[in-house]
Protein backbone atom coordinates (compact mmCIF):
# COMPACT_ATOMS: atom_id res chain seq x y z
CA MET A 1 -12.07 -20.68 21.07
CA ILE A 2 -9.76 -17.82 20.09
CA ILE A 3 -12.60 -15.32 20.47
CA ALA A 4 -13.38 -16.59 23.98
CA LEU A 5 -9.72 -16.43 25.03
CA GLY A 6 -9.36 -13.01 23.43
CA SER A 7 -12.42 -11.69 25.27
CA ALA A 8 -11.09 -12.91 28.62
CA ALA A 9 -7.66 -11.44 27.89
CA ALA A 10 -9.25 -8.12 26.87
CA LEU A 11 -11.13 -7.89 30.19
CA LEU A 12 -7.98 -8.64 32.18
CA LEU A 13 -6.03 -6.11 30.14
CA ALA A 14 -8.74 -3.49 30.68
CA TYR A 15 -8.55 -4.03 34.44
CA LEU A 16 -4.75 -3.84 34.34
CA ALA A 17 -4.91 -0.62 32.30
CA TRP A 18 -7.33 0.94 34.79
CA ARG A 19 -5.13 0.12 37.77
CA TRP A 20 -1.58 0.21 36.36
CA TYR A 21 -1.54 1.80 32.92
CA ASP A 22 2.23 1.51 32.37
CA TRP A 23 2.07 -2.25 32.88
CA ALA A 24 -0.83 -2.53 30.46
CA VAL A 25 1.23 -0.75 27.79
CA ALA A 26 4.12 -3.10 28.58
CA MET A 27 1.75 -6.04 28.01
CA ILE A 28 1.00 -4.63 24.54
CA VAL A 29 4.71 -4.85 23.77
CA LEU A 30 5.08 -8.32 25.28
CA LEU A 31 2.10 -9.69 23.34
CA ILE A 32 3.17 -8.47 19.88
CA PRO A 33 3.51 -12.09 18.60
CA ALA A 34 -0.17 -12.61 19.56
CA TYR A 35 -1.07 -11.07 16.21
CA LEU A 36 -0.78 -14.65 14.95
CA LEU A 37 -4.06 -15.44 16.78
CA ARG A 38 -6.55 -14.16 14.23
CA PHE A 39 -10.34 -14.01 14.14
CA HIS A 40 -13.20 -11.85 12.80
CA ILE A 41 -15.43 -9.32 14.54
CA PHE A 42 -18.60 -8.53 12.55
CA GLY A 43 -16.82 -9.81 9.46
CA ILE A 44 -13.76 -7.59 9.99
CA PRO A 45 -10.49 -9.54 10.28
CA THR A 46 -8.46 -8.72 13.37
CA ASN A 47 -6.25 -10.44 15.95
CA VAL A 48 -5.65 -10.65 19.68
CA TRP A 49 -2.93 -8.00 19.67
CA GLU A 50 -5.02 -5.40 17.84
CA VAL A 51 -7.89 -5.90 20.28
CA GLY A 52 -5.45 -5.38 23.16
CA VAL A 53 -4.24 -2.09 21.68
CA VAL A 54 -7.80 -0.81 21.28
CA VAL A 55 -8.69 -1.82 24.84
CA VAL A 56 -5.68 -0.04 26.35
CA PHE A 57 -6.36 3.03 24.21
CA LEU A 58 -10.04 3.22 25.25
CA VAL A 59 -9.16 2.84 28.93
CA GLY A 60 -6.66 5.68 28.50
CA VAL A 61 -9.37 7.85 26.95
CA ALA A 62 -11.49 7.25 30.05
CA ARG A 63 -8.71 8.38 32.42
CA PRO A 64 -8.09 12.15 32.50
CA THR A 65 -4.53 11.85 33.80
CA ILE A 66 -3.60 9.56 30.93
CA ARG A 67 -5.21 11.87 28.39
CA TYR A 68 -3.20 14.76 29.79
CA SER A 69 0.04 12.76 29.51
CA TRP A 70 -0.81 12.03 25.88
CA GLN A 71 -1.16 15.72 25.15
CA GLN A 72 2.16 16.50 26.80
CA SER A 73 4.04 13.73 25.02
CA LEU A 74 2.57 14.52 21.60
CA ARG A 75 3.68 18.12 21.94
CA ALA A 76 7.23 16.89 22.52
CA ILE A 77 7.38 15.13 19.14
CA PRO A 78 9.28 17.25 16.57
CA ARG A 79 6.88 19.01 14.22
CA THR A 80 8.73 17.76 11.15
CA PHE A 81 8.27 14.20 12.38
CA VAL A 82 4.52 14.79 12.78
CA VAL A 83 4.25 16.32 9.28
CA LEU A 84 6.11 13.41 7.68
CA THR A 85 3.97 10.90 9.54
CA GLY A 86 0.88 12.72 8.26
CA LEU A 87 2.27 12.62 4.73
CA LEU A 88 2.86 8.88 5.11
CA LEU A 89 -0.73 8.34 6.27
CA VAL A 90 -2.12 10.39 3.39
CA SER A 91 0.02 8.42 0.94
CA ALA A 92 -1.28 5.18 2.43
CA ILE A 93 -4.89 6.33 2.06
CA VAL A 94 -4.32 7.39 -1.56
CA SER A 95 -2.65 4.04 -2.29
CA THR A 96 -5.65 2.29 -0.79
CA VAL A 97 -8.08 4.27 -2.95
CA ILE A 98 -6.23 3.45 -6.18
CA SER A 99 -5.78 -0.22 -5.25
CA ALA A 100 -7.35 -2.86 -7.46
CA GLN A 101 -8.03 -4.95 -4.32
CA LEU A 102 -9.68 -2.54 -1.91
CA GLU A 103 -10.34 -5.11 0.81
CA VAL A 104 -6.71 -6.23 0.89
CA SER A 105 -5.44 -2.65 1.00
CA LEU A 106 -7.85 -1.67 3.77
CA GLY A 107 -6.60 -4.59 5.86
CA ILE A 108 -2.99 -3.49 5.35
CA LEU A 109 -3.88 0.13 6.13
CA LYS A 110 -5.41 -0.99 9.41
CA GLY A 111 -3.02 -3.73 10.51
CA TRP A 112 0.34 -2.53 9.23
CA ILE A 113 0.04 1.25 9.42
CA ALA A 114 -2.81 2.68 11.54
CA VAL A 115 -2.78 0.30 14.52
CA PRO A 116 1.05 0.12 14.76
CA ILE A 117 1.24 3.93 14.80
CA LEU A 118 -1.43 4.09 17.51
CA ALA A 119 0.37 1.45 19.60
CA SER A 120 3.73 3.16 19.21
CA LEU A 121 2.21 6.46 20.37
CA LEU A 122 0.88 4.72 23.48
CA VAL A 123 4.35 3.28 24.13
CA TYR A 124 6.03 6.65 23.46
CA SER A 125 3.71 8.57 25.80
CA ARG A 126 4.44 6.24 28.70
CA ALA A 127 8.15 5.78 27.93
CA LYS A 128 8.75 9.54 28.04
CA SER A 129 6.92 9.93 31.36
CA ALA A 130 9.77 8.41 33.39
CA ARG A 131 13.13 6.75 32.76
CA GLN A 132 12.00 3.73 34.77
CA THR A 133 9.02 3.22 32.44
CA TYR A 134 11.27 3.67 29.39
CA ASN A 135 13.53 0.88 30.65
CA LEU A 136 10.51 -1.28 31.47
CA LEU A 137 9.18 -1.05 27.92
CA LEU A 138 12.54 -1.85 26.31
CA ASP A 139 13.00 -4.74 28.76
CA THR A 140 9.57 -6.01 27.75
CA LEU A 141 10.50 -5.89 24.06
CA VAL A 142 13.60 -7.99 24.78
CA ALA A 143 11.43 -10.36 26.82
CA ALA A 144 9.03 -10.72 23.87
CA GLY A 145 11.95 -11.71 21.65
CA SER A 146 13.25 -14.16 24.24
CA VAL A 147 9.88 -15.86 24.75
CA THR A 148 9.39 -16.17 20.98
CA ALA A 149 12.87 -17.68 20.63
CA LEU A 150 12.23 -20.18 23.44
CA LEU A 151 8.90 -21.26 21.97
CA SER A 152 10.53 -21.61 18.57
CA LEU A 153 13.40 -23.70 19.92
CA THR A 154 10.91 -26.21 21.33
CA GLN A 155 9.78 -26.85 17.74
CA LEU A 156 13.28 -27.47 16.37
CA GLN A 157 13.49 -30.44 14.00
CA PHE A 158 16.88 -31.95 13.28
CA GLY A 159 18.15 -31.03 9.82
CA GLU A 160 15.48 -28.37 9.29
CA ARG A 161 15.76 -24.59 9.41
CA LEU A 162 14.12 -23.20 12.52
CA ALA A 163 10.83 -21.41 11.81
CA GLY A 164 9.25 -21.78 15.23
CA ILE A 165 5.85 -20.13 15.59
CA TYR A 166 6.19 -18.47 12.18
CA ASP A 167 5.46 -19.77 8.71
CA VAL A 168 9.03 -19.51 7.40
CA PRO A 169 12.49 -19.23 9.04
CA ASN A 170 13.11 -15.73 7.66
CA SER A 171 10.09 -14.39 9.56
CA LEU A 172 11.67 -15.52 12.82
CA ALA A 173 15.03 -14.04 11.80
CA LEU A 174 13.43 -10.70 10.89
CA TRP A 175 11.75 -10.52 14.30
CA LEU A 176 14.83 -11.49 16.30
CA ALA A 177 17.61 -9.57 14.53
CA PRO A 178 16.72 -6.00 15.69
CA ILE A 179 15.85 -7.20 19.21
CA ILE A 180 19.19 -9.00 19.55
CA THR A 181 20.95 -5.85 18.36
CA LEU A 182 19.01 -3.75 20.88
CA ALA A 183 19.80 -6.18 23.71
CA VAL A 184 23.52 -6.33 22.94
CA MET A 185 23.76 -2.55 22.77
CA ARG A 186 21.96 -2.14 26.09
CA LEU A 187 24.19 -4.76 27.64
CA VAL A 188 27.28 -2.84 26.52
CA VAL A 189 26.07 0.75 26.93
CA ASP A 190 23.74 0.48 29.91
CA ARG A 191 25.33 -2.55 31.61
CA ARG A 192 22.09 -4.55 31.50
CA ARG A 193 23.69 -7.83 32.55
CA GLY A 194 20.30 -9.45 32.91
CA TYR A 195 20.17 -9.54 29.11
CA ILE A 196 22.97 -12.09 28.76
CA LEU A 197 20.72 -15.14 28.91
CA SER A 198 18.14 -13.52 26.61
CA ILE A 199 20.83 -12.69 24.06
CA PHE A 200 22.12 -16.26 24.15
CA VAL A 201 18.64 -17.74 23.61
CA MET A 202 17.73 -15.34 20.81
CA ALA A 203 21.13 -15.66 19.09
CA THR A 204 20.82 -19.46 19.18
CA ALA A 205 17.41 -19.27 17.53
CA LEU A 206 18.70 -16.80 14.94
CA VAL A 207 21.61 -19.04 13.98
CA LEU A 208 19.27 -22.03 13.67
CA THR A 209 17.10 -20.13 11.21
CA GLN A 210 20.18 -20.30 8.94
CA SER A 211 19.38 -16.81 7.70
CA LEU A 212 22.69 -15.53 6.37
CA ALA A 213 21.34 -12.00 6.02
CA GLY A 214 19.90 -12.05 9.55
CA ILE A 215 23.17 -13.09 11.14
CA MET A 216 25.22 -10.69 9.04
CA VAL A 217 23.12 -7.57 9.69
CA VAL A 218 23.34 -8.04 13.46
CA VAL A 219 27.14 -8.24 13.28
CA LEU A 220 27.36 -5.39 10.77
CA ALA A 221 25.14 -3.06 12.82
CA LEU A 222 27.08 -3.77 16.02
CA SER A 223 30.38 -3.35 14.16
CA LEU A 224 29.28 0.04 12.83
CA ALA A 225 28.36 1.06 16.37
CA GLY A 226 31.79 -0.07 17.54
CA MET A 227 33.51 1.96 14.84
CA LEU A 228 31.61 5.08 15.87
CA TRP A 229 31.60 4.88 19.65
CA SER A 230 33.92 2.21 21.02
CA PRO A 231 37.48 2.91 22.19
CA ARG A 232 38.70 0.26 19.71
CA PRO A 233 37.25 1.30 16.33
CA LEU A 234 39.89 -0.57 14.32
CA PHE A 235 38.89 -3.86 15.95
CA ALA A 236 35.24 -3.17 15.10
CA ALA A 237 36.23 -2.33 11.52
CA GLY A 238 38.10 -5.62 11.29
CA ILE A 239 35.01 -7.53 12.41
CA LEU A 240 32.92 -5.69 9.83
CA ILE A 241 35.33 -6.51 7.01
CA LEU A 242 35.58 -10.14 8.14
CA THR A 243 31.79 -10.44 8.21
CA VAL A 244 31.51 -9.13 4.65
CA VAL A 245 34.26 -11.49 3.41
CA VAL A 246 32.67 -14.52 5.09
CA GLY A 247 29.23 -13.56 3.74
CA VAL A 248 30.53 -13.24 0.20
CA GLY A 249 32.32 -16.55 0.56
CA VAL A 250 29.15 -18.32 1.67
CA LEU A 251 27.22 -16.82 -1.23
CA GLN A 252 29.82 -17.99 -3.74
CA ASN A 253 30.09 -21.53 -2.39
CA SER A 254 26.52 -22.36 -1.41
CA SER A 255 24.11 -23.41 -4.16
CA SER A 256 21.08 -22.66 -1.99
CA SER A 257 22.38 -19.16 -1.24
CA GLN A 258 23.07 -18.57 -4.93
CA ALA A 259 19.53 -19.66 -5.78
CA THR A 260 18.07 -17.39 -3.10
CA LEU A 261 20.14 -14.47 -4.40
CA ALA A 262 18.99 -15.21 -7.95
CA VAL A 263 15.36 -15.04 -6.84
CA ARG A 264 16.07 -11.76 -5.01
CA LYS A 265 17.57 -10.32 -8.17
CA GLN A 266 14.46 -11.25 -10.08
CA LEU A 267 12.27 -9.58 -7.43
CA TRP A 268 14.37 -6.41 -7.56
CA SER A 269 14.29 -6.41 -11.36
CA VAL A 270 10.51 -6.76 -11.46
CA GLY A 271 10.18 -4.16 -8.70
CA ALA A 272 12.30 -1.68 -10.66
CA ASP A 273 10.15 -2.25 -13.76
CA LEU A 274 7.00 -1.57 -11.74
CA VAL A 275 8.50 1.64 -10.35
CA ARG A 276 9.17 2.79 -13.90
CA GLU A 277 5.54 2.02 -14.78
CA GLN A 278 4.09 3.94 -11.81
CA PRO A 279 6.80 6.30 -10.47
CA ILE A 280 4.51 8.76 -8.64
CA LEU A 281 1.61 6.93 -6.99
CA GLY A 282 3.02 3.41 -6.97
CA ILE A 283 0.89 0.35 -7.71
CA GLY A 284 -1.38 0.44 -4.67
CA LEU A 285 -1.12 -0.77 -1.10
CA GLY A 286 -0.34 -4.49 -1.00
CA GLN A 287 -0.53 -4.95 -4.77
CA PHE A 288 2.98 -6.25 -5.46
CA GLU A 289 2.01 -9.91 -5.75
CA PRO A 290 -0.47 -9.65 -8.66
CA HIS A 291 1.77 -7.18 -10.50
CA TYR A 292 4.79 -9.43 -9.94
CA GLN A 293 2.92 -12.37 -11.45
CA ARG A 294 1.82 -10.25 -14.42
CA VAL A 295 5.36 -9.08 -15.22
CA LEU A 296 6.70 -12.60 -14.72
CA HIS A 297 4.17 -14.03 -17.18
CA GLU A 298 5.11 -11.34 -19.69
CA ARG A 299 8.76 -12.26 -19.36
CA PHE A 300 8.00 -15.96 -19.84
CA ALA A 301 5.96 -15.18 -22.93
CA SER A 302 8.77 -13.03 -24.35
CA TYR A 303 11.42 -15.60 -23.55
CA LYS A 304 9.43 -18.49 -24.95
CA THR A 305 9.15 -16.76 -28.32
CA ILE A 306 12.93 -16.70 -28.80
CA HIS A 307 14.01 -19.92 -27.05
CA SER A 308 12.76 -23.46 -27.35
CA PRO A 309 13.05 -25.79 -24.34
CA PRO A 310 16.54 -27.33 -24.06
CA ARG A 311 16.98 -30.99 -24.82
CA GLY A 312 17.58 -33.29 -21.91
CA LEU A 313 17.96 -32.00 -18.40
CA PRO A 314 18.23 -28.30 -17.63
CA ARG A 315 21.71 -27.12 -16.79
CA GLY A 316 21.02 -25.91 -13.28
CA ILE A 317 18.56 -26.97 -10.60
CA PHE A 318 18.94 -25.31 -7.21
CA GLU A 319 17.09 -25.52 -3.92
CA ALA A 320 15.55 -22.31 -2.54
CA ASN A 321 13.60 -22.78 0.68
CA GLY A 322 12.62 -26.27 -0.35
CA THR A 323 11.43 -25.29 -3.84
CA ARG A 324 13.35 -26.12 -7.01
CA VAL A 325 14.51 -23.17 -9.08
CA VAL A 326 15.27 -24.10 -12.68
CA LEU A 327 17.65 -22.20 -14.95
CA LEU A 328 16.41 -23.14 -18.38
CA ALA A 329 18.92 -22.06 -21.04
CA GLU A 330 22.59 -22.76 -21.61
CA ARG A 331 23.09 -19.56 -23.60
CA PRO A 332 21.87 -16.16 -22.41
CA PRO A 333 19.03 -14.44 -24.28
CA PRO A 334 19.57 -11.09 -26.00
CA GLN A 335 20.06 -8.15 -23.67
CA HIS A 336 16.59 -6.75 -24.32
CA PHE A 337 15.06 -9.99 -22.93
CA ARG A 338 15.60 -11.07 -19.35
CA LYS A 339 15.10 -14.72 -18.52
CA PRO A 340 12.67 -15.42 -15.63
CA LEU A 341 13.80 -17.91 -13.05
CA ILE A 342 10.61 -19.67 -12.02
CA PRO A 343 8.27 -21.70 -14.28
CA ALA A 344 4.79 -20.18 -14.53
CA ALA A 345 2.34 -22.91 -13.59
CA SER A 346 -0.67 -21.32 -15.23
CA ARG A 347 1.19 -21.10 -18.54
CA GLY A 348 2.61 -24.65 -18.36
CA VAL A 349 6.14 -23.43 -19.11
CA PHE A 350 8.88 -26.07 -18.97
CA PRO A 351 8.12 -28.34 -15.99
CA ALA A 352 11.09 -29.33 -13.86
CA PRO A 353 12.37 -32.91 -14.09
CA ASN A 354 11.83 -35.22 -11.14
CA ASN A 355 14.51 -37.42 -9.57
CA SER A 356 14.15 -40.00 -12.30
CA GLY A 357 15.10 -37.47 -14.96
CA LYS A 358 11.62 -37.31 -16.47
CA SER A 359 9.32 -34.34 -16.41
CA ASP A 360 6.56 -34.25 -13.81
CA GLN A 361 3.03 -34.12 -15.22
CA SER A 362 2.23 -30.88 -13.42
CA PRO A 363 4.71 -27.98 -13.61
CA LEU A 364 6.13 -26.29 -10.54
CA SER A 365 3.94 -23.62 -9.03
CA GLU A 366 5.19 -20.06 -9.06
CA PHE A 367 6.77 -18.34 -6.13
CA VAL A 368 4.26 -16.13 -4.29
CA PHE A 369 5.89 -12.90 -3.12
CA ARG A 370 4.01 -10.09 -1.40
CA ASP A 371 7.05 -7.80 -1.31
CA PRO A 372 10.09 -7.04 -3.48
CA HIS A 373 12.42 -7.76 -0.53
CA ASN A 374 13.98 -4.33 -0.60
CA TRP A 375 12.62 -1.49 1.52
CA PRO A 376 13.13 1.41 -0.96
CA LEU A 377 11.29 -0.54 -3.67
CA ALA A 378 8.62 -1.73 -1.23
CA TRP A 379 7.78 1.73 0.07
CA TRP A 380 7.88 3.29 -3.39
CA LEU A 381 5.53 0.66 -4.83
CA ASN A 382 3.14 0.51 -1.87
CA LEU A 383 2.87 4.20 -0.97
CA GLY A 384 4.28 5.98 -3.99
CA LEU A 385 7.09 8.52 -4.11
CA ALA A 386 5.61 10.64 -1.28
CA GLY A 387 5.42 7.60 0.98
CA LEU A 388 9.04 6.70 0.28
CA ILE A 389 10.20 10.27 0.94
CA SER A 390 8.28 10.41 4.23
CA PHE A 391 9.69 7.07 5.39
CA ILE A 392 13.25 8.16 4.64
CA GLY A 393 12.64 11.55 6.24
CA LEU A 394 11.41 9.99 9.49
CA HIS A 395 14.65 8.02 9.79
CA VAL A 396 16.78 11.06 8.98
CA ILE A 397 15.13 12.96 11.83
CA VAL A 398 15.65 10.09 14.23
CA PHE A 399 19.30 9.55 13.29
CA ARG A 400 20.04 13.27 13.61
CA HIS A 401 18.40 13.74 17.00
CA SER A 402 18.41 10.33 18.70
CA ARG A 403 19.95 10.18 22.16
CA ASP A 404 19.62 6.42 22.63
CA ARG A 405 22.36 4.63 20.73
CA SER A 406 20.87 1.21 21.44
CA VAL A 407 17.56 1.99 19.73
CA THR A 408 19.33 3.77 16.86
CA VAL A 409 21.58 0.78 16.13
CA ALA A 410 18.55 -1.53 16.22
CA LEU A 411 16.98 0.66 13.53
CA VAL A 412 20.19 0.47 11.49
CA CYS A 413 20.01 -3.31 11.76
CA LEU A 414 16.47 -3.24 10.39
CA LEU A 415 17.37 -0.99 7.47
CA LEU A 416 20.35 -3.17 6.55
CA PHE A 417 18.19 -6.29 6.69
CA GLY A 418 15.58 -4.52 4.57
CA LEU A 419 17.95 -4.22 1.63
CA VAL A 420 17.47 -7.96 0.99
CA ASP A 421 14.27 -8.86 2.82
CA THR A 422 10.91 -7.61 4.11
CA ILE A 423 11.42 -5.45 7.21
CA TYR A 424 8.07 -3.70 7.47
CA TRP A 425 5.13 -5.23 5.62
CA LYS A 426 4.14 -7.65 8.35
CA ASN A 427 2.31 -7.03 11.64
CA ASP A 428 5.12 -7.57 14.14
CA LEU A 429 7.77 -5.89 11.99
CA ALA A 430 5.62 -2.79 11.43
CA ILE A 431 4.94 -2.54 15.16
CA VAL A 432 8.59 -2.87 16.18
CA HIS A 433 9.65 -0.36 13.54
CA TRP A 434 7.30 2.35 14.79
CA ILE A 435 8.14 1.65 18.43
CA LEU A 436 11.87 1.99 17.74
CA LEU A 437 11.33 5.13 15.65
CA LEU A 438 9.40 6.91 18.38
CA LEU A 439 11.55 5.73 21.28
CA ALA A 440 14.64 7.04 19.48
CA LEU A 441 13.21 10.56 19.49
CA PRO A 442 14.78 12.88 22.08
């Protein structure tokens, strides 16, 4: 069914690209969430959005005027930006070669690096051809966020965090946060009053995700912009300080937030250990999950040798995204041992008690994390030191030369969010990141 719909959509998109190429590129931006519609072609996993990108690209190849515009736009990209992008691609290829799971790494190389870069170049080439097209493409990105928010709101369940069309609420928050920031900035800077309803819809969905980090980074990014460019910088600074104070207060008084932060700290700790193990090449593209489980098992084994299970109920049981996190010991272990937070199911370590106070027969399963939830660690581990340097360098170039404050602040929002969550290693997030990077270029 998905293949049939995808084929029909590809034909329509090909016709649109032949007649009105700018609108076809805009459709690529609008249909970013269509990456969720996945299927296989000759055994190769792909999705509706990737097929659309390839179709629009091939139609462009067949049109001489479009090919000429590509050449002109590519020449306008700063040479340093091109070199750093090349370094990033080489790092990704090397990380794929050294990966213990070649198939997984090849999929990530295709879906999260190669195709997003190709799509962003298509968007950049058309956006730089005319100011009207530039505005059209940014309007389409805001429309994509608005449609996603509306669809998600229709799936709201009372008392539940809003996840919408995504698997978890944080995925929706990660998608909406930079687009809300972009829309608010364009409303203020460019007087795009048509964005008011879109901002309201997206902000409502973001709040209902109950993502503290998502809400905070939007306010922080906009406050930083206000401190730099508004006529009332002190007011913006006050909002920034208030946001930080409120955020810290929520963290200190919410058991679920404390549990989430504790899990983040464990991820960062394991990520730092892995960086120390492989500081140059990293661990391979998309290889964090198996390495995380390995280090976690090692920590459980080390901890179990010096601590016996406590008698009675554990001291602390917290909720983290619906999963119980158990803190096992009343007294801290020696400094050279760090206590893991989550029971390792395969090792049968200390099952959590059920509501009756007795232990369940089967222990809790481990958390499955594909990313350390911190962009410096994620890039270092996935692409090695060269990949991290290239990623940072690309942003330095953009921040130094960007002439569009709205796009720049949206990037700041992403980077702030990425200190505590996954801002790149996912189809839609990788696409948006590259689009914003290239559109911010002068």
